[in-house]
Structures are given as structure tokens and as C-alpha cells.
Amino acid sequence: MDGGELLTVADAAVRLDRSTEQVRRYLREGRLDGRRIGGQWFIEQHALHAFGEQKRDGRVFLDRVASAAMTDPLGSTIGIVAGGGSNLAEGKHAYRLATLRRR
């Protein structure tokens, strides 16, 4: 890495529309170029732009990954969403329907 504006993990997460943990995972896996300074990850703006432009199979990589705002990590475990009330079976059914509509 050579110069350029340094972004925090939080800044990168906002720009990529991902969670901070997902950005840290990209960094640990070497998929996103970054460096650690004093125990914190930093990403150069041009590296973040290059990462966002990566293409695999003719599609932009980030288009194939669910947005952090769209994921519901506990929904499938809890099984209760709007319309499900306190009946777990109805909640699970409502969750599945909502998930299908999002796709």
C-alpha cells in the first residue's frame, strides 16, 4: 500500500453496505487490501474502490453477497416475524414467506 486516504473498517463497511465484521473478514482472508496500525485495520480508498469493482463470473462480486441491512441472522432461529404472533409455527411460515419475497 502506498499513500492515499486511509479509511476505517466502519467507513469501509458503510461504503460497501456490509457489516464491520464482514469487512474485517475480507481483510483477514486477504480479499481486501488493508493494513493494521496499532491493532486497527485501515483500508486505502483506492483499494476499497478496486475491491468493489472486482468481477467474478461476469458479475460484480458485491452484487452476489447479501447486504448487511438485508440479513436477519436471528430470524430463522427465532421463527417469529411480523404476522407470526406468538405461535412459532405461524411465525416460521411468515418468516419463510417474507424471505421468499425479498429474493
PDB file of N, CA and C in Angstrom:
ATOM      1  N   MET A   1       0.852  -1.175   0.000  1.00  0.00           N
ATOM      2  CA  MET A   1       0.000   0.000   0.000  1.00  0.00           C
ATOM      3  C   MET A   1       0.890   1.227   0.000  1.00  0.00           C
ATOM      4  N   ASP A   2       0.531   2.167  -0.820  1.00  0.00           N
ATOM      5  CA  ASP A   2       1.411   3.319  -0.962  1.00  0.00           C
ATOM      6  C   ASP A   2       0.633   4.626  -1.050  1.00  0.00           C
ATOM      7  N   GLY A   3       0.404   5.236   0.081  1.00  0.00           N
ATOM      8  CA  GLY A   3      -0.276   6.524   0.096  1.00  0.00           C
ATOM      9  C   GLY A   3      -1.778   6.404  -0.103  1.00  0.00           C
ATOM     10  N   GLY A   4      -2.451   7.535  -0.186  1.00  0.00           N
ATOM     11  CA  GLY A   4      -3.901   7.538  -0.354  1.00  0.00           C
ATOM     12  C   GLY A   4      -4.595   7.707   0.979  1.00  0.00           C
ATOM     13  N   GLU A   5      -5.852   8.133   0.910  1.00  0.00           N
ATOM     14  CA  GLU A   5      -6.646   8.339   2.112  1.00  0.00           C
ATOM     15  C   GLU A   5      -6.927   7.002   2.794  1.00  0.00           C
ATOM     16  N   LEU A   6      -6.680   6.930   4.093  1.00  0.00           N
ATOM     17  CA  LEU A   6      -6.949   5.714   4.851  1.00  0.00           C
ATOM     18  C   LEU A   6      -8.354   5.759   5.432  1.00  0.00           C
ATOM     19  N   LEU A   7      -9.067   4.674   5.271  1.00  0.00           N
ATOM     20  CA  LEU A   7     -10.432   4.563   5.781  1.00  0.00           C
ATOM     21  C   LEU A   7     -10.465   3.567   6.930  1.00  0.00           C
ATOM     22  N   THR A   8     -11.328   3.789   7.880  1.00  0.00           N
ATOM     23  CA  THR A   8     -11.515   2.830   8.966  1.00  0.00           C
ATOM     24  C   THR A   8     -12.392   1.691   8.466  1.00  0.00           C
ATOM     25  N   VAL A   9     -12.443   0.622   9.237  1.00  0.00           N
ATOM     26  CA  VAL A   9     -13.314  -0.511   8.907  1.00  0.00           C
ATOM     27  C   VAL A   9     -14.767  -0.036   8.860  1.00  0.00           C
ATOM     28  N   ALA A  10     -15.145   0.824   9.798  1.00  0.00           N
ATOM     29  CA  ALA A  10     -16.525   1.335   9.828  1.00  0.00           C
ATOM     30  C   ALA A  10     -16.844   2.135   8.569  1.00  0.00           C
ATOM     31  N   ASP A  11     -15.909   2.975   8.125  1.00  0.00           N
ATOM     32  CA  ASP A  11     -16.116   3.746   6.891  1.00  0.00           C
ATOM     33  C   ASP A  11     -16.262   2.815   5.692  1.00  0.00           C
ATOM     34  N   ALA A  12     -15.384   1.815   5.629  1.00  0.00           N
ATOM     35  CA  ALA A  12     -15.427   0.858   4.518  1.00  0.00           C
ATOM     36  C   ALA A  12     -16.738   0.082   4.531  1.00  0.00           C
ATOM     37  N   ALA A  13     -17.206  -0.292   5.712  1.00  0.00           N
ATOM     38  CA  ALA A  13     -18.462  -1.038   5.825  1.00  0.00           C
ATOM     39  C   ALA A  13     -19.627  -0.225   5.283  1.00  0.00           C
ATOM     40  N   VAL A  14     -19.656   1.059   5.606  1.00  0.00           N
ATOM     41  CA  VAL A  14     -20.733   1.928   5.113  1.00  0.00           C
ATOM     42  C   VAL A  14     -20.658   2.029   3.587  1.00  0.00           C
ATOM     43  N   ARG A  15     -19.473   2.228   3.060  1.00  0.00           N
ATOM     44  CA  ARG A  15     -19.319   2.392   1.607  1.00  0.00           C
ATOM     45  C   ARG A  15     -19.640   1.111   0.840  1.00  0.00           C
ATOM     46  N   LEU A  16     -19.358  -0.052   1.460  1.00  0.00           N
ATOM     47  CA  LEU A  16     -19.643  -1.334   0.803  1.00  0.00           C
ATOM     48  C   LEU A  16     -21.033  -1.859   1.132  1.00  0.00           C
ATOM     49  N   ASP A  17     -21.720  -1.211   2.064  1.00  0.00           N
ATOM     50  CA  ASP A  17     -23.024  -1.675   2.543  1.00  0.00           C
ATOM     51  C   ASP A  17     -22.905  -3.079   3.130  1.00  0.00           C
ATOM     52  N   ARG A  18     -21.906  -3.247   3.972  1.00  0.00           N
ATOM     53  CA  ARG A  18     -21.634  -4.508   4.660  1.00  0.00           C
ATOM     54  C   ARG A  18     -21.430  -4.223   6.141  1.00  0.00           C
ATOM     55  N   SER A  19     -21.433  -5.270   6.949  1.00  0.00           N
ATOM     56  CA  SER A  19     -21.162  -5.101   8.371  1.00  0.00           C
ATOM     57  C   SER A  19     -19.658  -4.921   8.584  1.00  0.00           C
ATOM     58  N   THR A  20     -19.296  -4.356   9.732  1.00  0.00           N
ATOM     59  CA  THR A  20     -17.872  -4.192  10.036  1.00  0.00           C
ATOM     60  C   THR A  20     -17.189  -5.548  10.154  1.00  0.00           C
ATOM     61  N   GLU A  21     -17.900  -6.543  10.686  1.00  0.00           N
ATOM     62  CA  GLU A  21     -17.301  -7.879  10.803  1.00  0.00           C
ATOM     63  C   GLU A  21     -17.035  -8.484   9.430  1.00  0.00           C
ATOM     64  N   GLN A  22     -17.928  -8.244   8.470  1.00  0.00           N
ATOM     65  CA  GLN A  22     -17.716  -8.761   7.114  1.00  0.00           C
ATOM     66  C   GLN A  22     -16.486  -8.112   6.492  1.00  0.00           C
ATOM     67  N   VAL A  23     -16.305  -6.810   6.694  1.00  0.00           N
ATOM     68  CA  VAL A  23     -15.130  -6.112   6.165  1.00  0.00           C
ATOM     69  C   VAL A  23     -13.865  -6.672   6.819  1.00  0.00           C
ATOM     70  N   ARG A  24     -13.900  -6.901   8.126  1.00  0.00           N
ATOM     71  CA  ARG A  24     -12.731  -7.493   8.803  1.00  0.00           C
ATOM     72  C   ARG A  24     -12.436  -8.881   8.246  1.00  0.00           C
ATOM     73  N   ARG A  25     -13.468  -9.637   7.930  1.00  0.00           N
ATOM     74  CA  ARG A  25     -13.285 -10.976   7.346  1.00  0.00           C
ATOM     75  C   ARG A  25     -12.602 -10.869   5.983  1.00  0.00           C
ATOM     76  N   TYR A  26     -13.044  -9.912   5.151  1.00  0.00           N
ATOM     77  CA  TYR A  26     -12.403  -9.702   3.856  1.00  0.00           C
ATOM     78  C   TYR A  26     -10.916  -9.389   4.042  1.00  0.00           C
ATOM     79  N   LEU A  27     -10.610  -8.562   5.046  1.00  0.00           N
ATOM     80  CA  LEU A  27      -9.225  -8.195   5.321  1.00  0.00           C
ATOM     81  C   LEU A  27      -8.410  -9.402   5.789  1.00  0.00           C
ATOM     82  N   ARG A  28      -8.949 -10.165   6.738  1.00  0.00           N
ATOM     83  CA  ARG A  28      -8.233 -11.347   7.248  1.00  0.00           C
ATOM     84  C   ARG A  28      -7.982 -12.371   6.149  1.00  0.00           C
ATOM     85  N   GLU A  29      -8.959 -12.528   5.262  1.00  0.00           N
ATOM     86  CA  GLU A  29      -8.843 -13.514   4.182  1.00  0.00           C
ATOM     87  C   GLU A  29      -7.975 -13.016   3.034  1.00  0.00           C
ATOM     88  N   GLY A  30      -7.560 -11.745   3.076  1.00  0.00           N
ATOM     89  CA  GLY A  30      -6.722 -11.188   2.027  1.00  0.00           C
ATOM     90  C   GLY A  30      -7.496 -10.803   0.776  1.00  0.00           C
ATOM     91  N   ARG A  31      -8.813 -10.798   0.855  1.00  0.00           N
ATOM     92  CA  ARG A  31      -9.636 -10.421  -0.299  1.00  0.00           C
ATOM     93  C   ARG A  31      -9.689  -8.908  -0.470  1.00  0.00           C
ATOM     94  N   LEU A  32      -9.501  -8.188   0.619  1.00  0.00           N
ATOM     95  CA  LEU A  32      -9.472  -6.730   0.604  1.00  0.00           C
ATOM     96  C   LEU A  32      -8.114  -6.306   1.146  1.00  0.00           C
ATOM     97  N   ASP A  33      -7.453  -5.413   0.409  1.00  0.00           N
ATOM     98  CA  ASP A  33      -6.137  -4.928   0.811  1.00  0.00           C
ATOM     99  C   ASP A  33      -6.273  -3.953   1.968  1.00  0.00           C
ATOM    100  N   GLY A  34      -5.529  -4.166   3.031  1.00  0.00           N
ATOM    101  CA  GLY A  34      -5.553  -3.266   4.173  1.00  0.00           C
ATOM    102  C   GLY A  34      -4.308  -3.457   5.013  1.00  0.00           C
ATOM    103  N   ARG A  35      -4.182  -2.647   6.020  1.00  0.00           N
ATOM    104  CA  ARG A  35      -3.038  -2.793   6.935  1.00  0.00           C
ATOM    105  C   ARG A  35      -3.479  -2.492   8.348  1.00  0.00           C
ATOM    106  N   ARG A  36      -2.749  -3.090   9.260  1.00  0.00           N
ATOM    107  CA  ARG A  36      -3.033  -2.884  10.673  1.00  0.00           C
ATOM    108  C   ARG A  36      -2.081  -1.830  11.221  1.00  0.00           C
ATOM    109  N   ILE A  37      -2.673  -0.880  11.907  1.00  0.00           N
ATOM    110  CA  ILE A  37      -1.886   0.156  12.573  1.00  0.00           C
ATOM    111  C   ILE A  37      -2.385   0.207  14.006  1.00  0.00           C
ATOM    112  N   GLY A  38      -1.516  -0.121  14.943  1.00  0.00           N
ATOM    113  CA  GLY A  38      -1.902  -0.098  16.353  1.00  0.00           C
ATOM    114  C   GLY A  38      -3.065  -1.027  16.671  1.00  0.00           C
ATOM    115  N   GLY A  39      -3.139  -2.159  15.987  1.00  0.00           N
ATOM    116  CA  GLY A  39      -4.188  -3.133  16.264  1.00  0.00           C
ATOM    117  C   GLY A  39      -5.490  -2.884  15.522  1.00  0.00           C
ATOM    118  N   GLN A  40      -5.565  -1.805  14.748  1.00  0.00           N
ATOM    119  CA  GLN A  40      -6.776  -1.480  13.987  1.00  0.00           C
ATOM    120  C   GLN A  40      -6.500  -1.631  12.494  1.00  0.00           C
ATOM    121  N   TRP A  41      -7.515  -2.090  11.763  1.00  0.00           N
ATOM    122  CA  TRP A  41      -7.402  -2.199  10.314  1.00  0.00           C
ATOM    123  C   TRP A  41      -7.706  -0.857   9.662  1.00  0.00           C
ATOM    124  N   PHE A  42      -6.956  -0.554   8.594  1.00  0.00           N
ATOM    125  CA  PHE A  42      -7.208   0.618   7.764  1.00  0.00           C
ATOM    126  C   PHE A  42      -7.119   0.200   6.304  1.00  0.00           C
ATOM    127  N   ILE A  43      -7.941   0.815   5.477  1.00  0.00           N
ATOM    128  CA  ILE A  43      -8.025   0.478   4.064  1.00  0.00           C
ATOM    129  C   ILE A  43      -7.825   1.746   3.261  1.00  0.00           C
ATOM    130  N   GLU A  44      -6.968   1.679   2.235  1.00  0.00           N
ATOM    131  CA  GLU A  44      -6.804   2.835   1.358  1.00  0.00           C
ATOM    132  C   GLU A  44      -8.018   2.940   0.457  1.00  0.00           C
ATOM    133  N   GLN A  45      -8.414   4.172   0.176  1.00  0.00           N
ATOM    134  CA  GLN A  45      -9.608   4.414  -0.615  1.00  0.00           C
ATOM    135  C   GLN A  45      -9.535   3.716  -1.971  1.00  0.00           C
ATOM    136  N   HIS A  46      -8.377   3.758  -2.630  1.00  0.00           N
ATOM    137  CA  HIS A  46      -8.273   3.118  -3.947  1.00  0.00           C
ATOM    138  C   HIS A  46      -8.383   1.601  -3.837  1.00  0.00           C
ATOM    139  N   ALA A  47      -7.923   1.013  -2.738  1.00  0.00           N
ATOM    140  CA  ALA A  47      -8.044  -0.436  -2.546  1.00  0.00           C
ATOM    141  C   ALA A  47      -9.508  -0.822  -2.354  1.00  0.00           C
ATOM    142  N   LEU A  48     -10.244   0.012  -1.636  1.00  0.00           N
ATOM    143  CA  LEU A  48     -11.669  -0.246  -1.436  1.00  0.00           C
ATOM    144  C   LEU A  48     -12.418  -0.146  -2.761  1.00  0.00           C
ATOM    145  N   HIS A  49     -12.064   0.845  -3.562  1.00  0.00           N
ATOM    146  CA  HIS A  49     -12.697   1.007  -4.873  1.00  0.00           C
ATOM    147  C   HIS A  49     -12.391  -0.208  -5.759  1.00  0.00           C
ATOM    148  N   ALA A  50     -11.143  -0.643  -5.776  1.00  0.00           N
ATOM    149  CA  ALA A  50     -10.758  -1.806  -6.585  1.00  0.00           C
ATOM    150  C   ALA A  50     -11.502  -3.056  -6.121  1.00  0.00           C
ATOM    151  N   PHE A  51     -11.646  -3.218  -4.819  1.00  0.00           N
ATOM    152  CA  PHE A  51     -12.371  -4.371  -4.277  1.00  0.00           C
ATOM    153  C   PHE A  51     -13.818  -4.352  -4.741  1.00  0.00           C
ATOM    154  N   GLY A  52     -14.448  -3.198  -4.685  1.00  0.00           N
ATOM    155  CA  GLY A  52     -15.838  -3.075  -5.096  1.00  0.00           C
ATOM    156  C   GLY A  52     -16.044  -3.326  -6.580  1.00  0.00           C
ATOM    157  N   GLU A  53     -14.996  -3.152  -7.376  1.00  0.00           N
ATOM    158  CA  GLU A  53     -15.089  -3.337  -8.820  1.00  0.00           C
ATOM    159  C   GLU A  53     -14.735  -4.755  -9.276  1.00  0.00           C
ATOM    160  N   GLN A  54     -14.291  -5.592  -8.359  1.00  0.00           N
ATOM    161  CA  GLN A  54     -13.915  -6.961  -8.735  1.00  0.00           C
ATOM    162  C   GLN A  54     -15.077  -7.651  -9.427  1.00  0.00           C
ATOM    163  N   LYS A  55     -14.740  -8.392 -10.447  1.00  0.00           N
ATOM    164  CA  LYS A  55     -15.793  -9.129 -11.150  1.00  0.00           C
ATOM    165  C   LYS A  55     -15.425 -10.606 -11.165  1.00  0.00           C
ATOM    166  N   ARG A  56     -16.413 -11.408 -10.906  1.00  0.00           N
ATOM    167  CA  ARG A  56     -16.265 -12.858 -10.994  1.00  0.00           C
ATOM    168  C   ARG A  56     -17.475 -13.384 -11.738  1.00  0.00           C
ATOM    169  N   ASP A  57     -17.255 -14.249 -12.646  1.00  0.00           N
ATOM    170  CA  ASP A  57     -18.338 -14.841 -13.432  1.00  0.00           C
ATOM    171  C   ASP A  57     -19.170 -13.782 -14.135  1.00  0.00           C
ATOM    172  N   GLY A  58     -18.534 -12.677 -14.527  1.00  0.00           N
ATOM    173  CA  GLY A  58     -19.243 -11.639 -15.260  1.00  0.00           C
ATOM    174  C   GLY A  58     -20.128 -10.746 -14.408  1.00  0.00           C
ATOM    175  N   ARG A  59     -20.142 -10.952 -13.079  1.00  0.00           N
ATOM    176  CA  ARG A  59     -20.968 -10.120 -12.199  1.00  0.00           C
ATOM    177  C   ARG A  59     -20.090  -9.481 -11.144  1.00  0.00           C
ATOM    178  N   VAL A  60     -20.485  -8.324 -10.676  1.00  0.00           N
ATOM    179  CA  VAL A  60     -19.752  -7.658  -9.605  1.00  0.00           C
ATOM    180  C   VAL A  60     -19.884  -8.513  -8.343  1.00  0.00           C
ATOM    181  N   PHE A  61     -18.772  -8.760  -7.700  1.00  0.00           N
ATOM    182  CA  PHE A  61     -18.736  -9.624  -6.519  1.00  0.00           C
ATOM    183  C   PHE A  61     -19.748  -9.213  -5.463  1.00  0.00           C
ATOM    184  N   LEU A  62     -19.808  -7.936  -5.144  1.00  0.00           N
ATOM    185  CA  LEU A  62     -20.678  -7.496  -4.053  1.00  0.00           C
ATOM    186  C   LEU A  62     -22.152  -7.666  -4.374  1.00  0.00           C
ATOM    187  N   ASP A  63     -22.505  -7.750  -5.658  1.00  0.00           N
ATOM    188  CA  ASP A  63     -23.896  -7.980  -6.016  1.00  0.00           C
ATOM    189  C   ASP A  63     -24.356  -9.373  -5.604  1.00  0.00           C
ATOM    190  N   ARG A  64     -23.400 -10.285  -5.422  1.00  0.00           N
ATOM    191  CA  ARG A  64     -23.748 -11.659  -5.065  1.00  0.00           C
ATOM    192  C   ARG A  64     -23.775 -11.888  -3.562  1.00  0.00           C
ATOM    193  N   VAL A  65     -23.415 -10.877  -2.777  1.00  0.00           N
ATOM    194  CA  VAL A  65     -23.390 -11.003  -1.322  1.00  0.00           C
ATOM    195  C   VAL A  65     -24.533 -10.182  -0.744  1.00  0.00           C
ATOM    196  N   ALA A  66     -25.279 -10.763   0.169  1.00  0.00           N
ATOM    197  CA  ALA A  66     -26.410 -10.051   0.765  1.00  0.00           C
ATOM    198  C   ALA A  66     -25.932  -8.828   1.538  1.00  0.00           C
ATOM    199  N   SER A  67     -26.666  -7.757   1.418  1.00  0.00           N
ATOM    200  CA  SER A  67     -26.376  -6.536   2.149  1.00  0.00           C
ATOM    201  C   SER A  67     -26.521  -6.782   3.646  1.00  0.00           C
ATOM    202  N   ALA A  68     -25.704  -6.119   4.436  1.00  0.00           N
ATOM    203  CA  ALA A  68     -25.811  -6.252   5.886  1.00  0.00           C
ATOM    204  C   ALA A  68     -27.186  -5.810   6.369  1.00  0.00           C
ATOM    205  N   ALA A  69     -27.774  -4.840   5.695  1.00  0.00           N
ATOM    206  CA  ALA A  69     -29.094  -4.350   6.083  1.00  0.00           C
ATOM    207  C   ALA A  69     -30.191  -5.354   5.754  1.00  0.00           C
ATOM    208  N   MET A  70     -29.925  -6.290   4.842  1.00  0.00           N
ATOM    209  CA  MET A  70     -30.942  -7.234   4.400  1.00  0.00           C
ATOM    210  C   MET A  70     -30.872  -8.576   5.127  1.00  0.00           C
ATOM    211  N   THR A  71     -29.853  -8.803   5.891  1.00  0.00           N
ATOM    212  CA  THR A  71     -29.735 -10.089   6.563  1.00  0.00           C
ATOM    213  C   THR A  71     -30.503 -10.073   7.879  1.00  0.00           C
ATOM    214  N   ASP A  72     -30.981 -11.213   8.266  1.00  0.00           N
ATOM    215  CA  ASP A  72     -31.728 -11.376   9.511  1.00  0.00           C
ATOM    216  C   ASP A  72     -31.153 -12.601  10.212  1.00  0.00           C
ATOM    217  N   PRO A  73     -30.006 -12.446  10.907  1.00  0.00           N
ATOM    218  CA  PRO A  73     -29.312 -13.606  11.453  1.00  0.00           C
ATOM    219  C   PRO A  73     -30.112 -14.399  12.482  1.00  0.00           C
ATOM    220  N   LEU A  74     -31.050 -13.772  13.186  1.00  0.00           N
ATOM    221  CA  LEU A  74     -31.796 -14.492  14.208  1.00  0.00           C
ATOM    222  C   LEU A  74     -33.180 -14.930  13.747  1.00  0.00           C
ATOM    223  N   GLY A  75     -33.615 -14.424  12.618  1.00  0.00           N
ATOM    224  CA  GLY A  75     -34.961 -14.716  12.152  1.00  0.00           C
ATOM    225  C   GLY A  75     -35.240 -16.195  12.021  1.00  0.00           C
ATOM    226  N   SER A  76     -34.323 -16.937  11.425  1.00  0.00           N
ATOM    227  CA  SER A  76     -34.566 -18.360  11.227  1.00  0.00           C
ATOM    228  C   SER A  76     -34.495 -19.131  12.547  1.00  0.00           C
ATOM    229  N   THR A  77     -33.746 -18.603  13.502  1.00  0.00           N
ATOM    230  CA  THR A  77     -33.643 -19.251  14.801  1.00  0.00           C
ATOM    231  C   THR A  77     -34.886 -18.983  15.635  1.00  0.00           C
ATOM    232  N   ILE A  78     -35.314 -17.747  15.664  1.00  0.00           N
ATOM    233  CA  ILE A  78     -36.466 -17.363  16.476  1.00  0.00           C
ATOM    234  C   ILE A  78     -37.765 -17.803  15.816  1.00  0.00           C
ATOM    235  N   GLY A  79     -37.872 -17.604  14.505  1.00  0.00           N
ATOM    236  CA  GLY A  79     -39.038 -18.059  13.761  1.00  0.00           C
ATOM    237  C   GLY A  79     -40.268 -17.191  13.917  1.00  0.00           C
ATOM    238  N   ILE A  80     -40.134 -16.031  14.513  1.00  0.00           N
ATOM    239  CA  ILE A  80     -41.288 -15.147  14.687  1.00  0.00           C
ATOM    240  C   ILE A  80     -40.976 -13.818  14.008  1.00  0.00           C
ATOM    241  N   VAL A  81     -41.835 -13.415  13.085  1.00  0.00           N
ATOM    242  CA  VAL A  81     -41.705 -12.118  12.439  1.00  0.00           C
ATOM    243  C   VAL A  81     -43.078 -11.485  12.385  1.00  0.00           C
ATOM    244  N   ALA A  82     -43.173 -10.338  11.779  1.00  0.00           N
ATOM    245  CA  ALA A  82     -44.464  -9.645  11.670  1.00  0.00           C
ATOM    246  C   ALA A  82     -45.509 -10.590  11.104  1.00  0.00           C
ATOM    247  N   GLY A  83     -46.624 -10.686  11.758  1.00  0.00           N
ATOM    248  CA  GLY A  83     -47.691 -11.564  11.295  1.00  0.00           C
ATOM    249  C   GLY A  83     -47.657 -12.925  11.939  1.00  0.00           C
ATOM    250  N   GLY A  84     -46.577 -13.244  12.633  1.00  0.00           N
ATOM    251  CA  GLY A  84     -46.443 -14.567  13.226  1.00  0.00           C
ATOM    252  C   GLY A  84     -47.015 -14.667  14.619  1.00  0.00           C
ATOM    253  N   GLY A  85     -47.174 -13.529  15.284  1.00  0.00           N
ATOM    254  CA  GLY A  85     -47.701 -13.558  16.645  1.00  0.00           C
ATOM    255  C   GLY A  85     -46.811 -14.370  17.568  1.00  0.00           C
ATOM    256  N   SER A  86     -47.437 -15.058  18.511  1.00  0.00           N
ATOM    257  CA  SER A  86     -46.650 -15.850  19.452  1.00  0.00           C
ATOM    258  C   SER A  86     -46.646 -17.323  19.090  1.00  0.00           C
ATOM    259  N   ASN A  87     -47.316 -17.695  18.031  1.00  0.00           N
ATOM    260  CA  ASN A  87     -47.340 -19.076  17.572  1.00  0.00           C
ATOM    261  C   ASN A  87     -46.097 -19.315  16.714  1.00  0.00           C
ATOM    262  N   LEU A  88     -45.185 -20.152  17.199  1.00  0.00           N
ATOM    263  CA  LEU A  88     -43.923 -20.368  16.491  1.00  0.00           C
ATOM    264  C   LEU A  88     -44.134 -20.931  15.091  1.00  0.00           C
ATOM    265  N   ALA A  89     -45.079 -21.823  14.918  1.00  0.00           N
ATOM    266  CA  ALA A  89     -45.312 -22.406  13.594  1.00  0.00           C
ATOM    267  C   ALA A  89     -45.769 -21.331  12.608  1.00  0.00           C
ATOM    268  N   GLU A  90     -46.691 -20.473  13.038  1.00  0.00           N
ATOM    269  CA  GLU A  90     -47.145 -19.387  12.165  1.00  0.00           C
ATOM    270  C   GLU A  90     -46.008 -18.400  11.900  1.00  0.00           C
ATOM    271  N   GLY A  91     -45.226 -18.136  12.920  1.00  0.00           N
ATOM    272  CA  GLY A  91     -44.099 -17.214  12.761  1.00  0.00           C
ATOM    273  C   GLY A  91     -43.089 -17.750  11.771  1.00  0.00           C
ATOM    274  N   LYS A  92     -42.805 -19.040  11.823  1.00  0.00           N
ATOM    275  CA  LYS A  92     -41.851 -19.651  10.900  1.00  0.00           C
ATOM    276  C   LYS A  92     -42.379 -19.557   9.476  1.00  0.00           C
ATOM    277  N   HIS A  93     -43.657 -19.819   9.302  1.00  0.00           N
ATOM    278  CA  HIS A  93     -44.271 -19.726   7.980  1.00  0.00           C
ATOM    279  C   HIS A  93     -44.204 -18.287   7.458  1.00  0.00           C
ATOM    280  N   ALA A  94     -44.528 -17.313   8.304  1.00  0.00           N
ATOM    281  CA  ALA A  94     -44.475 -15.900   7.905  1.00  0.00           C
ATOM    282  C   ALA A  94     -43.046 -15.501   7.560  1.00  0.00           C
ATOM    283  N   TYR A  95     -42.071 -15.998   8.305  1.00  0.00           N
ATOM    284  CA  TYR A  95     -40.668 -15.689   8.035  1.00  0.00           C
ATOM    285  C   TYR A  95     -40.264 -16.229   6.666  1.00  0.00           C
ATOM    286  N   ARG A  96     -40.641 -17.455   6.379  1.00  0.00           N
ATOM    287  CA  ARG A  96     -40.290 -18.051   5.089  1.00  0.00           C
ATOM    288  C   ARG A  96     -40.913 -17.265   3.935  1.00  0.00           C
ATOM    289  N   LEU A  97     -42.158 -16.866   4.079  1.00  0.00           N
ATOM    290  CA  LEU A  97     -42.800 -16.075   3.029  1.00  0.00           C
ATOM    291  C   LEU A  97     -42.096 -14.735   2.840  1.00  0.00           C
ATOM    292  N   ALA A  98     -41.733 -14.086   3.926  1.00  0.00           N
ATOM    293  CA  ALA A  98     -41.034 -12.801   3.847  1.00  0.00           C
ATOM    294  C   ALA A  98     -39.677 -12.979   3.171  1.00  0.00           C
ATOM    295  N   THR A  99     -38.993 -14.062   3.465  1.00  0.00           N
ATOM    296  CA  THR A  99     -37.686 -14.332   2.872  1.00  0.00           C
ATOM    297  C   THR A  99     -37.816 -14.538   1.368  1.00  0.00           C
ATOM    298  N   LEU A 100     -38.828 -15.272   0.961  1.00  0.00           N
ATOM    299  CA  LEU A 100     -39.041 -15.523  -0.467  1.00  0.00           C
ATOM    300  C   LEU A 100     -39.354 -14.220  -1.203  1.00  0.00           C
ATOM    301  N   ARG A 101     -40.082 -13.322  -0.584  1.00  0.00           N
ATOM    302  CA  ARG A 101     -40.431 -12.056  -1.216  1.00  0.00           C
ATOM    303  C   ARG A 101     -39.201 -11.164  -1.384  1.00  0.00           C
ATOM    304  N   ARG A 102     -38.212 -11.288  -0.490  1.00  0.00           N
ATOM    305  CA  ARG A 102     -37.009 -10.450  -0.578  1.00  0.00           C
ATOM    306  C   ARG A 102     -36.112 -10.880  -1.733  1.00  0.00           C
ATOM    307  N   ARG A 103     -36.198 -12.098  -2.179  1.00  0.00           N
ATOM    308  CA  ARG A 103     -35.286 -12.588  -3.213  1.00  0.00           C
ATOM    309  C   ARG A 103     -35.660 -12.141  -4.560  1.00  0.00           C
TER     310      ARG A 103
END
